[in-house]
Every structure is written in C-alpha cells, then in structure tokens.
C-alpha cells in the first residue's frame, strides 16, 4: 500500500525561500488543540502529546480502511490577547493552536471515536480537547528560517517589514510550520516556515 505524503503532495506549501515571498494558501483540514502558555511549557507539551496520539490513531484507522498516509508536519498558530500593546507579553501569556494537516479522506466521523479511544487508553484528558477543523489561510507572506526557535525574531521582523513595504497589512495569527524534529536535529539546523496572513491595504 502506498502511503500518501501530504508534505510532498502539497510541496508548494511546505517549502519556502529564505527571502520573503507571497503565497495563496487554500483551505485544508487539521487536527488541532489550543492552549495558553510558554512554548515548551507543561500545557504545550501535554497538548502536543494528545495531538500526536490522535494523529496516529486516526492514521491507523484510515490505514485499516485502505487509506494509509504519513502523519504530517507540526504547525502552530501563535497570538497575544493585546496585539497592539506595543510589547511582547511574557511567554506564559502566549496563546497557541497546534495543528497537523489531514488528508481529504479523514473526516470528523473518524475523529470522534479516535478521541474517545486515546482518552481511554492513554488517560490523556487533553485528547478530549483535540478538534477537527478547517483552516482557510488565504493570501499570506512567508519566509524560511533556519536556526533555534528562540532566535526567530530578526527573521520575523524581516517578514513584517516586507509586508508593510509592499502595501499589505497583517490579518491573522502568526503561523509556523516545523519541518524538522527538534529531538533529532540540532537547533542551528532546524528549518521553520514562518507565515503571516495578509491583505492589500
């Protein structure tokens, strides 16, 4: 059985230049879990454990039905309660939504029993918070960043400057797509697509 690889199937949305560029991102379905707190904090880590447990449970259900696929890349939306405050709030006040894209043959009807099973077998209360959602990002600016997550700041600034100088404004949450596993790749080699929804002013 051939495994569907969404990263390869939709390569144009999982690659980027080290220079800012503009893309049009269509709607797609995701498993998601939302929370609040520092990246890498306890709430964030528990959320990731639940999200990945659900992603693999759904994958095995699809495989049993004849539709095998590779679990997709982790993606994350990040935002603050007061985006116009002028200063970045403490990390524990960050809002996040962790996401893993799903093939078109995965449906909410598959996700509901998977959620119950993961909660029962793994005793993960966070599994009950994992949802199946469509996300339509639309027109966006993006850039490839290579390096430790904590040092993204200058690259984000470059992207925001590009947006303003080209007559756009930001319209949605900051989006990151993590192309590597930080447990296996040294921080200086981590590749992250940084994406920002935009609209023409």
Protein backbone atom coordinates (compact mmCIF):
# COMPACT_ATOMS: atom_id res chain seq x y z
CA UNK A 1 0.00 0.00 0.00
CA UNK A 2 1.37 3.40 -1.00
CA UNK A 3 1.43 5.96 1.79
CA UNK A 4 0.08 9.40 0.96
CA UNK A 5 2.61 12.11 1.89
CA UNK A 6 0.85 15.47 2.21
CA UNK A 7 4.17 17.30 2.50
CA UNK A 8 5.13 16.09 -0.97
CA UNK A 9 1.63 16.30 -2.41
CA UNK A 10 1.38 19.96 -1.40
CA UNK A 11 5.05 20.76 -1.67
CA UNK A 12 4.41 24.41 -2.57
CA UNK A 13 3.04 24.98 0.95
CA UNK A 14 5.84 23.12 2.76
CA UNK A 15 8.80 24.83 1.13
CA UNK A 16 9.85 28.46 1.11
CA UNK A 17 12.66 30.77 0.11
CA UNK A 18 14.99 32.42 2.64
CA UNK A 19 13.66 35.64 1.14
CA UNK A 20 10.08 36.80 1.86
CA UNK A 21 7.53 35.71 -0.73
CA UNK A 22 3.75 35.69 -1.17
CA UNK A 23 1.56 32.58 -1.47
CA UNK A 24 -2.15 31.82 -1.68
CA UNK A 25 -2.98 29.03 0.76
CA UNK A 26 -6.26 27.14 0.20
CA UNK A 27 -8.48 25.72 2.91
CA UNK A 28 -7.37 22.43 4.47
CA UNK A 29 -8.46 20.19 7.33
CA UNK A 30 -6.44 19.82 10.52
CA UNK A 31 -6.41 18.11 13.87
CA UNK A 32 -5.91 20.96 16.34
CA UNK A 33 -5.53 21.65 20.02
CA UNK A 34 -5.48 25.12 21.55
CA UNK A 35 -3.99 26.43 24.75
CA UNK A 36 -2.11 29.15 26.53
CA UNK A 37 1.40 29.22 27.90
CA UNK A 38 5.06 29.19 27.04
CA UNK A 39 6.33 27.18 24.07
CA UNK A 40 7.79 24.05 25.61
CA UNK A 41 5.84 24.53 28.85
CA UNK A 42 3.83 21.77 30.52
CA UNK A 43 0.50 22.72 28.94
CA UNK A 44 2.09 22.96 25.50
CA UNK A 45 3.85 19.60 25.84
CA UNK A 46 0.70 17.84 27.06
CA UNK A 47 -1.19 19.35 24.14
CA UNK A 48 1.40 18.01 21.69
CA UNK A 49 1.25 14.54 23.24
CA UNK A 50 -2.52 14.50 22.82
CA UNK A 51 -2.36 15.88 19.28
CA UNK A 52 0.20 13.33 18.08
CA UNK A 53 -1.61 10.48 19.83
CA UNK A 54 -4.76 11.46 17.98
CA UNK A 55 -2.94 11.90 14.67
CA UNK A 56 -1.51 8.39 14.83
CA UNK A 57 -4.81 6.85 15.99
CA UNK A 58 -6.58 8.46 13.01
CA UNK A 59 -3.80 7.31 10.69
CA UNK A 60 -4.19 3.68 11.82
CA UNK A 61 -7.96 3.87 11.39
CA UNK A 62 -7.51 5.20 7.85
CA UNK A 63 -4.93 2.51 7.07
CA UNK A 64 -7.34 -0.19 8.18
CA UNK A 65 -9.84 1.24 5.70
CA UNK A 66 -7.25 1.14 2.89
CA UNK A 67 -6.05 4.75 3.03
CA UNK A 68 -2.59 4.90 4.58
CA UNK A 69 -0.73 8.19 4.96
CA UNK A 70 2.28 9.74 6.65
CA UNK A 71 1.46 11.89 9.67
CA UNK A 72 2.06 15.49 8.60
CA UNK A 73 4.32 18.23 9.90
CA UNK A 74 3.54 20.00 13.13
CA UNK A 75 2.23 23.53 12.59
CA UNK A 76 1.45 26.23 15.09
CA UNK A 77 -0.54 29.45 15.27
CA UNK A 78 0.61 32.00 17.86
CA UNK A 79 -1.06 35.19 19.06
CA UNK A 80 -1.40 37.55 22.00
CA UNK A 81 -4.52 38.90 23.70
CA UNK A 82 -3.40 42.50 23.04
CA UNK A 83 -1.55 42.51 19.69
CA UNK A 84 -1.36 46.32 19.70
CA UNK A 85 0.12 46.61 23.18
CA UNK A 86 3.49 47.54 21.71
CA UNK A 87 5.48 44.98 23.68
CA UNK A 88 5.53 41.20 23.54
CA UNK A 89 3.85 39.70 26.62
CA UNK A 90 5.58 37.12 28.84
CA UNK A 91 5.83 33.67 27.26
CA UNK A 92 3.34 32.23 29.74
CA UNK A 93 0.72 34.61 28.29
CA UNK A 94 1.11 33.41 24.69
CA UNK A 95 -1.89 31.75 23.01
CA UNK A 96 -1.24 28.83 20.70
CA UNK A 97 -3.00 26.37 18.44
CA UNK A 98 -1.01 23.29 17.43
CA UNK A 99 -2.10 21.67 14.16
CA UNK A 100 -1.44 18.63 11.95
CA UNK A 101 -2.90 18.61 8.43
CA UNK A 102 -5.20 15.73 7.47
CA UNK A 103 -5.92 14.10 4.09
CA UNK A 104 -9.30 14.70 2.49
CA UNK A 105 -10.46 11.16 3.33
CA UNK A 106 -10.15 11.84 7.08
CA UNK A 107 -13.49 13.07 8.45
CA UNK A 108 -14.92 14.25 11.75
CA UNK A 109 -16.77 10.92 11.95
CA UNK A 110 -13.37 9.21 12.23
CA UNK A 111 -12.02 11.69 14.74
CA UNK A 112 -14.78 11.28 17.34
CA UNK A 113 -14.14 7.59 18.12
CA UNK A 114 -10.37 8.16 17.94
CA UNK A 115 -10.69 10.86 20.60
CA UNK A 116 -12.58 8.53 22.93
CA UNK A 117 -10.09 5.70 22.38
CA UNK A 118 -7.00 7.83 23.00
CA UNK A 119 -8.53 9.28 26.16
CA UNK A 120 -9.43 5.84 27.45
CA UNK A 121 -6.18 4.04 26.62
CA UNK A 122 -3.64 6.77 27.36
CA UNK A 123 -5.54 8.56 30.15
CA UNK A 124 -4.90 11.83 28.34
CA UNK A 125 -7.58 14.34 29.28
CA UNK A 126 -6.15 16.70 26.66
CA UNK A 127 -7.22 14.23 23.96
CA UNK A 128 -10.81 15.35 24.57
CA UNK A 129 -9.75 18.87 23.53
CA UNK A 130 -8.42 17.85 20.11
CA UNK A 131 -10.74 19.07 17.36
CA UNK A 132 -11.12 18.53 13.62
CA UNK A 133 -11.17 21.93 11.91
CA UNK A 134 -10.92 23.54 8.50
CA UNK A 135 -8.47 26.41 8.26
CA UNK A 136 -8.51 28.82 5.32
CA UNK A 137 -5.39 30.98 5.46
CA UNK A 138 -5.64 32.62 2.06
CA UNK A 139 -3.18 35.27 0.91
CA UNK A 140 -0.04 35.12 3.03
CA UNK A 141 3.59 36.19 3.18
CA UNK A 142 6.18 33.65 4.27
CA UNK A 143 9.89 33.07 4.72
CA UNK A 144 12.18 30.15 5.57
CA UNK A 145 14.04 30.44 8.87
CA UNK A 146 16.96 28.17 9.82
CA UNK A 147 18.09 28.10 13.43
CA UNK A 148 16.87 27.85 17.04
CA UNK A 149 13.23 28.70 17.63
CA UNK A 150 14.15 31.27 20.28
CA UNK A 151 16.15 33.31 17.74
CA UNK A 152 13.43 33.80 15.11
CA UNK A 153 12.94 37.48 16.00
CA UNK A 154 15.06 39.13 13.27
CA UNK A 155 13.53 36.90 10.58
CA UNK A 156 10.01 37.73 11.75
CA UNK A 157 10.93 41.43 11.62
CA UNK A 158 12.19 40.99 8.03
CA UNK A 159 8.90 39.38 7.05
CA UNK A 160 6.82 42.11 8.69
CA UNK A 161 8.91 44.81 7.02
CA UNK A 162 8.38 43.11 3.64
CA UNK A 163 4.62 43.06 4.27
CA UNK A 164 4.45 46.77 5.07
CA UNK A 165 6.78 47.87 2.26
CA UNK A 166 4.72 46.01 -0.32
CA UNK A 167 1.44 47.63 0.67
CA UNK A 168 -0.07 44.86 2.79
CA UNK A 169 -1.24 44.55 6.37
CA UNK A 170 -1.31 41.52 8.66
CA UNK A 171 -4.75 39.92 9.15
CA UNK A 172 -4.39 36.72 11.15
CA UNK A 173 -2.24 34.86 13.65
CA UNK A 174 1.46 34.22 13.21
CA UNK A 175 1.90 30.75 11.66
CA UNK A 176 4.90 28.45 11.96
CA UNK A 177 5.47 25.15 10.14
CA UNK A 178 8.13 22.95 11.76
CA UNK A 179 9.90 20.91 9.10
CA UNK A 180 12.26 19.05 11.46
CA UNK A 181 12.00 17.06 14.67
CA UNK A 182 13.92 19.05 17.33
CA UNK A 183 14.69 15.78 19.12
CA UNK A 184 16.73 14.63 16.12
CA UNK A 185 18.08 17.83 14.56
CA UNK A 186 20.48 20.29 16.28
CA UNK A 187 18.95 23.74 16.95
CA UNK A 188 21.16 25.54 14.41
CA UNK A 189 19.80 23.32 11.61
CA UNK A 190 16.09 23.47 12.40
CA UNK A 191 14.02 24.69 9.43
CA UNK A 192 10.81 26.60 10.08
CA UNK A 193 8.46 28.25 7.60
CA UNK A 194 7.19 31.48 9.13
CA UNK A 195 3.92 32.56 7.54
CA UNK A 196 1.63 35.55 8.05
CA UNK A 197 -1.84 36.05 6.53
CA UNK A 198 -2.10 39.43 4.79
CA UNK A 199 -4.37 41.68 2.78
CA UNK A 200 -3.75 44.59 0.45
CA UNK A 201 -4.20 47.99 2.03
